[in-house]
N, C-alpha and C. Protein backbone atom coordinates (compact mmCIF):
# COMPACT_ATOMS: atom_id res chain seq x y z
N MET A 1 26.32 42.54 22.40
CA MET A 1 26.79 41.35 23.06
C MET A 1 27.65 41.67 24.28
N LEU A 2 27.95 42.94 24.49
CA LEU A 2 28.79 43.32 25.63
C LEU A 2 27.93 43.51 26.88
N SER A 3 28.45 43.04 28.00
CA SER A 3 27.74 43.23 29.25
C SER A 3 27.98 44.64 29.79
N LYS A 4 27.06 45.08 30.60
CA LYS A 4 27.20 46.39 31.25
C LYS A 4 28.46 46.41 32.11
N ASN A 5 28.74 45.32 32.77
CA ASN A 5 29.92 45.24 33.63
C ASN A 5 31.20 45.48 32.83
N THR A 6 31.31 44.86 31.66
CA THR A 6 32.50 45.05 30.83
C THR A 6 32.62 46.51 30.40
N LEU A 7 31.53 47.08 29.95
CA LEU A 7 31.57 48.49 29.54
C LEU A 7 31.94 49.39 30.72
N ASP A 8 31.38 49.10 31.89
CA ASP A 8 31.70 49.90 33.08
C ASP A 8 33.18 49.81 33.44
N LEU A 9 33.77 48.61 33.33
CA LEU A 9 35.21 48.46 33.62
C LEU A 9 36.05 49.33 32.70
N LEU A 10 35.71 49.34 31.42
CA LEU A 10 36.47 50.14 30.46
C LEU A 10 36.28 51.64 30.71
N ILE A 11 35.05 52.03 30.93
CA ILE A 11 34.76 53.45 31.20
C ILE A 11 35.43 53.90 32.50
N ASP A 12 35.37 53.07 33.52
CA ASP A 12 36.01 53.43 34.80
C ASP A 12 37.52 53.65 34.62
N GLU A 13 38.17 52.81 33.82
CA GLU A 13 39.61 52.98 33.58
C GLU A 13 39.87 54.25 32.79
N PHE A 14 39.00 54.57 31.83
CA PHE A 14 39.13 55.81 31.06
C PHE A 14 39.07 57.01 32.01
N ILE A 15 38.17 56.96 32.97
CA ILE A 15 38.04 58.04 33.95
C ILE A 15 39.27 58.10 34.85
N VAL A 16 39.75 56.95 35.32
CA VAL A 16 40.95 56.89 36.16
C VAL A 16 42.14 57.53 35.43
N GLN A 17 42.19 57.33 34.11
CA GLN A 17 43.28 57.88 33.30
C GLN A 17 42.99 59.32 32.85
N HIS A 18 41.97 59.93 33.43
CA HIS A 18 41.59 61.32 33.15
C HIS A 18 41.26 61.56 31.69
N GLY A 19 40.84 60.52 30.98
CA GLY A 19 40.46 60.67 29.58
C GLY A 19 41.63 60.93 28.65
N ASP A 20 42.85 60.68 29.11
CA ASP A 20 44.04 60.99 28.32
C ASP A 20 44.64 59.79 27.61
N HIS A 21 44.17 58.59 27.93
CA HIS A 21 44.77 57.38 27.37
C HIS A 21 43.75 56.56 26.58
N ILE A 22 44.26 55.84 25.60
CA ILE A 22 43.44 54.88 24.87
C ILE A 22 43.20 53.69 25.80
N ILE A 23 41.97 53.25 25.90
CA ILE A 23 41.62 52.14 26.79
C ILE A 23 41.08 51.00 25.93
N TYR A 24 41.63 49.81 26.16
CA TYR A 24 41.18 48.66 25.38
C TYR A 24 41.11 47.41 26.26
N PRO A 25 40.19 46.50 25.94
CA PRO A 25 40.10 45.26 26.70
C PRO A 25 41.14 44.25 26.23
N ILE A 26 41.56 43.41 27.16
CA ILE A 26 42.46 42.30 26.85
C ILE A 26 41.75 41.02 27.28
N TYR A 27 41.68 40.08 26.35
CA TYR A 27 41.11 38.76 26.66
C TYR A 27 42.13 37.71 26.25
N GLU A 28 42.58 36.91 27.21
CA GLU A 28 43.58 35.88 26.98
C GLU A 28 44.79 36.42 26.21
N GLU A 29 45.34 37.53 26.72
CA GLU A 29 46.53 38.18 26.18
C GLU A 29 46.33 38.73 24.76
N ARG A 30 45.11 38.95 24.38
CA ARG A 30 44.78 39.43 23.04
C ARG A 30 44.03 40.75 23.13
N GLN A 31 44.47 41.74 22.35
CA GLN A 31 43.77 43.02 22.31
C GLN A 31 42.40 42.79 21.69
N ALA A 32 41.38 43.37 22.31
CA ALA A 32 40.01 43.14 21.85
C ALA A 32 39.28 44.46 21.67
N ASN A 33 37.97 44.41 21.63
CA ASN A 33 37.13 45.58 21.42
C ASN A 33 36.00 45.59 22.45
N PRO A 34 35.45 46.73 22.75
CA PRO A 34 35.64 48.02 22.12
C PRO A 34 36.82 48.79 22.70
N VAL A 35 37.32 49.72 21.93
CA VAL A 35 38.42 50.58 22.36
C VAL A 35 37.86 51.98 22.57
N ILE A 36 38.29 52.61 23.65
CA ILE A 36 37.88 53.99 23.93
C ILE A 36 39.06 54.90 23.60
N PHE A 37 38.83 55.86 22.71
CA PHE A 37 39.87 56.80 22.31
C PHE A 37 39.59 58.19 22.87
N PRO A 38 40.61 58.86 23.38
CA PRO A 38 40.45 60.25 23.78
C PRO A 38 40.18 61.12 22.55
N LYS A 39 39.60 62.25 22.78
CA LYS A 39 39.23 63.18 21.70
C LYS A 39 40.43 63.57 20.84
N LYS A 40 41.63 63.61 21.40
CA LYS A 40 42.80 64.04 20.64
C LYS A 40 43.10 63.13 19.45
N TYR A 41 42.50 61.94 19.39
CA TYR A 41 42.72 61.02 18.28
C TYR A 41 41.61 61.06 17.24
N PHE A 42 40.57 61.82 17.46
CA PHE A 42 39.41 61.79 16.58
C PHE A 42 39.75 62.15 15.14
N GLN A 43 40.53 63.20 14.91
CA GLN A 43 40.88 63.59 13.54
C GLN A 43 41.64 62.48 12.84
N GLU A 44 42.56 61.87 13.54
CA GLU A 44 43.33 60.77 12.97
C GLU A 44 42.41 59.58 12.64
N ILE A 45 41.47 59.31 13.50
CA ILE A 45 40.52 58.22 13.27
C ILE A 45 39.66 58.51 12.04
N LEU A 46 39.21 59.75 11.93
CA LEU A 46 38.37 60.13 10.79
C LEU A 46 39.10 60.07 9.46
N SER A 47 40.42 60.13 9.49
CA SER A 47 41.19 60.09 8.25
C SER A 47 41.50 58.67 7.78
N ILE A 48 41.13 57.67 8.55
CA ILE A 48 41.39 56.28 8.19
C ILE A 48 40.52 55.90 7.00
N THR A 49 41.13 55.25 6.02
CA THR A 49 40.38 54.77 4.87
C THR A 49 40.45 53.25 4.82
N GLY A 50 39.49 52.66 4.15
CA GLY A 50 39.47 51.21 4.01
C GLY A 50 38.95 50.53 5.26
N ASP A 51 39.18 49.23 5.33
CA ASP A 51 38.66 48.43 6.44
C ASP A 51 39.78 48.08 7.42
N HIS A 52 40.51 49.10 7.84
CA HIS A 52 41.63 48.86 8.74
C HIS A 52 41.29 49.13 10.19
N GLY A 53 40.19 49.83 10.42
CA GLY A 53 39.82 50.14 11.79
C GLY A 53 40.85 51.02 12.47
N CYS A 54 40.80 51.04 13.78
CA CYS A 54 41.69 51.91 14.56
C CYS A 54 42.87 51.17 15.16
N LYS A 55 43.05 49.91 14.79
CA LYS A 55 44.14 49.12 15.34
C LYS A 55 45.50 49.78 15.05
N LYS A 56 45.60 50.42 13.89
CA LYS A 56 46.84 51.11 13.52
C LYS A 56 47.17 52.21 14.52
N ILE A 57 46.18 52.96 14.92
CA ILE A 57 46.38 54.04 15.89
C ILE A 57 46.78 53.46 17.24
N LEU A 58 46.13 52.41 17.63
CA LEU A 58 46.46 51.76 18.90
C LEU A 58 47.91 51.28 18.90
N LYS A 59 48.36 50.71 17.80
CA LYS A 59 49.74 50.23 17.69
C LYS A 59 50.74 51.38 17.60
N GLN A 60 50.31 52.49 17.05
CA GLN A 60 51.18 53.66 16.89
C GLN A 60 51.47 54.36 18.22
N TYR A 61 50.59 54.22 19.18
CA TYR A 61 50.73 54.91 20.46
C TYR A 61 50.69 53.94 21.65
N PRO A 62 51.55 52.94 21.68
CA PRO A 62 51.49 51.94 22.76
C PRO A 62 51.75 52.53 24.15
N ASP A 63 52.53 53.60 24.23
CA ASP A 63 52.82 54.22 25.53
C ASP A 63 51.63 55.02 26.05
N ASN A 64 50.66 55.26 25.19
CA ASN A 64 49.49 56.03 25.60
C ASN A 64 48.24 55.14 25.61
N ALA A 65 48.45 53.82 25.73
CA ALA A 65 47.34 52.88 25.72
C ALA A 65 47.38 52.02 26.98
N VAL A 66 46.20 51.76 27.53
CA VAL A 66 46.10 50.97 28.75
C VAL A 66 45.14 49.81 28.49
N GLY A 67 45.62 48.60 28.72
CA GLY A 67 44.78 47.43 28.57
C GLY A 67 44.08 47.07 29.86
N VAL A 68 42.85 46.63 29.75
CA VAL A 68 42.05 46.22 30.89
C VAL A 68 41.71 44.74 30.70
N SER A 69 42.12 43.92 31.64
CA SER A 69 41.86 42.49 31.54
C SER A 69 40.37 42.20 31.72
N ILE A 70 39.81 41.49 30.74
CA ILE A 70 38.41 41.11 30.76
C ILE A 70 38.35 39.58 30.69
N GLY A 71 37.64 38.96 31.57
CA GLY A 71 37.61 37.51 31.65
C GLY A 71 36.55 36.83 30.79
N LEU A 72 35.86 37.59 29.97
CA LEU A 72 34.79 37.02 29.15
C LEU A 72 35.12 37.19 27.67
N PRO A 73 34.79 36.19 26.84
CA PRO A 73 35.12 36.27 25.41
C PRO A 73 34.25 37.25 24.63
N GLU A 74 33.31 37.89 25.29
CA GLU A 74 32.42 38.83 24.59
C GLU A 74 33.19 39.94 23.88
N VAL A 75 34.39 40.24 24.33
CA VAL A 75 35.16 41.35 23.75
C VAL A 75 35.94 40.95 22.49
N VAL A 76 35.92 39.68 22.12
CA VAL A 76 36.63 39.25 20.91
C VAL A 76 35.69 39.00 19.74
N PHE A 77 34.38 39.07 19.97
CA PHE A 77 33.43 38.91 18.86
C PHE A 77 33.46 40.16 18.00
N ASP A 78 33.49 39.97 16.70
CA ASP A 78 33.51 41.08 15.77
C ASP A 78 32.36 40.90 14.79
N CYS A 79 31.60 41.92 14.59
CA CYS A 79 30.44 41.82 13.71
C CYS A 79 30.46 42.99 12.74
N ASP A 80 31.07 42.74 11.56
CA ASP A 80 31.21 43.79 10.56
C ASP A 80 30.28 43.63 9.36
N ASP A 81 29.74 42.43 9.19
CA ASP A 81 28.89 42.20 8.03
C ASP A 81 27.84 41.14 8.35
N GLU A 82 27.02 40.83 7.36
CA GLU A 82 25.92 39.89 7.56
C GLU A 82 26.41 38.50 7.96
N ASN A 83 27.49 38.04 7.36
CA ASN A 83 28.04 36.72 7.70
C ASN A 83 28.48 36.67 9.15
N ASP A 84 29.14 37.74 9.61
CA ASP A 84 29.55 37.81 11.02
C ASP A 84 28.33 37.75 11.93
N TYR A 85 27.29 38.45 11.54
CA TYR A 85 26.06 38.47 12.34
C TYR A 85 25.49 37.07 12.50
N PHE A 86 25.38 36.33 11.41
CA PHE A 86 24.83 34.99 11.49
C PHE A 86 25.74 34.04 12.27
N ARG A 87 27.04 34.23 12.18
CA ARG A 87 27.98 33.42 12.96
C ARG A 87 27.78 33.69 14.46
N LEU A 88 27.56 34.94 14.81
CA LEU A 88 27.31 35.27 16.22
C LEU A 88 25.99 34.66 16.70
N LEU A 89 24.98 34.68 15.85
CA LEU A 89 23.71 34.07 16.23
C LEU A 89 23.87 32.59 16.53
N GLU A 90 24.71 31.91 15.76
CA GLU A 90 24.95 30.49 15.98
C GLU A 90 25.61 30.24 17.34
N LYS A 91 26.47 31.15 17.75
CA LYS A 91 27.18 31.00 19.03
C LYS A 91 26.27 31.23 20.23
N MET A 92 25.20 31.98 20.00
CA MET A 92 24.28 32.30 21.09
C MET A 92 23.45 31.13 21.41
């Protein structure tokens, strides 16, 4: 559901930050997805258990995170299960 333009904006910011910062989209002052993490966080990400996602890591390192304003709601859709999938289909 993400546009190429949105992905390019996030990737471009990751490159501007030399791959050293967590990059995340912001839609209407709300942290959204997808989030790009530098390699230095991979081990920590892999150790996450349960359905908590990486939001904990993002909150743990706010000084190392950069938000990118995105003007489209595509970044707030979350599709984790079959019910989410059908809800997204209804919105389309």
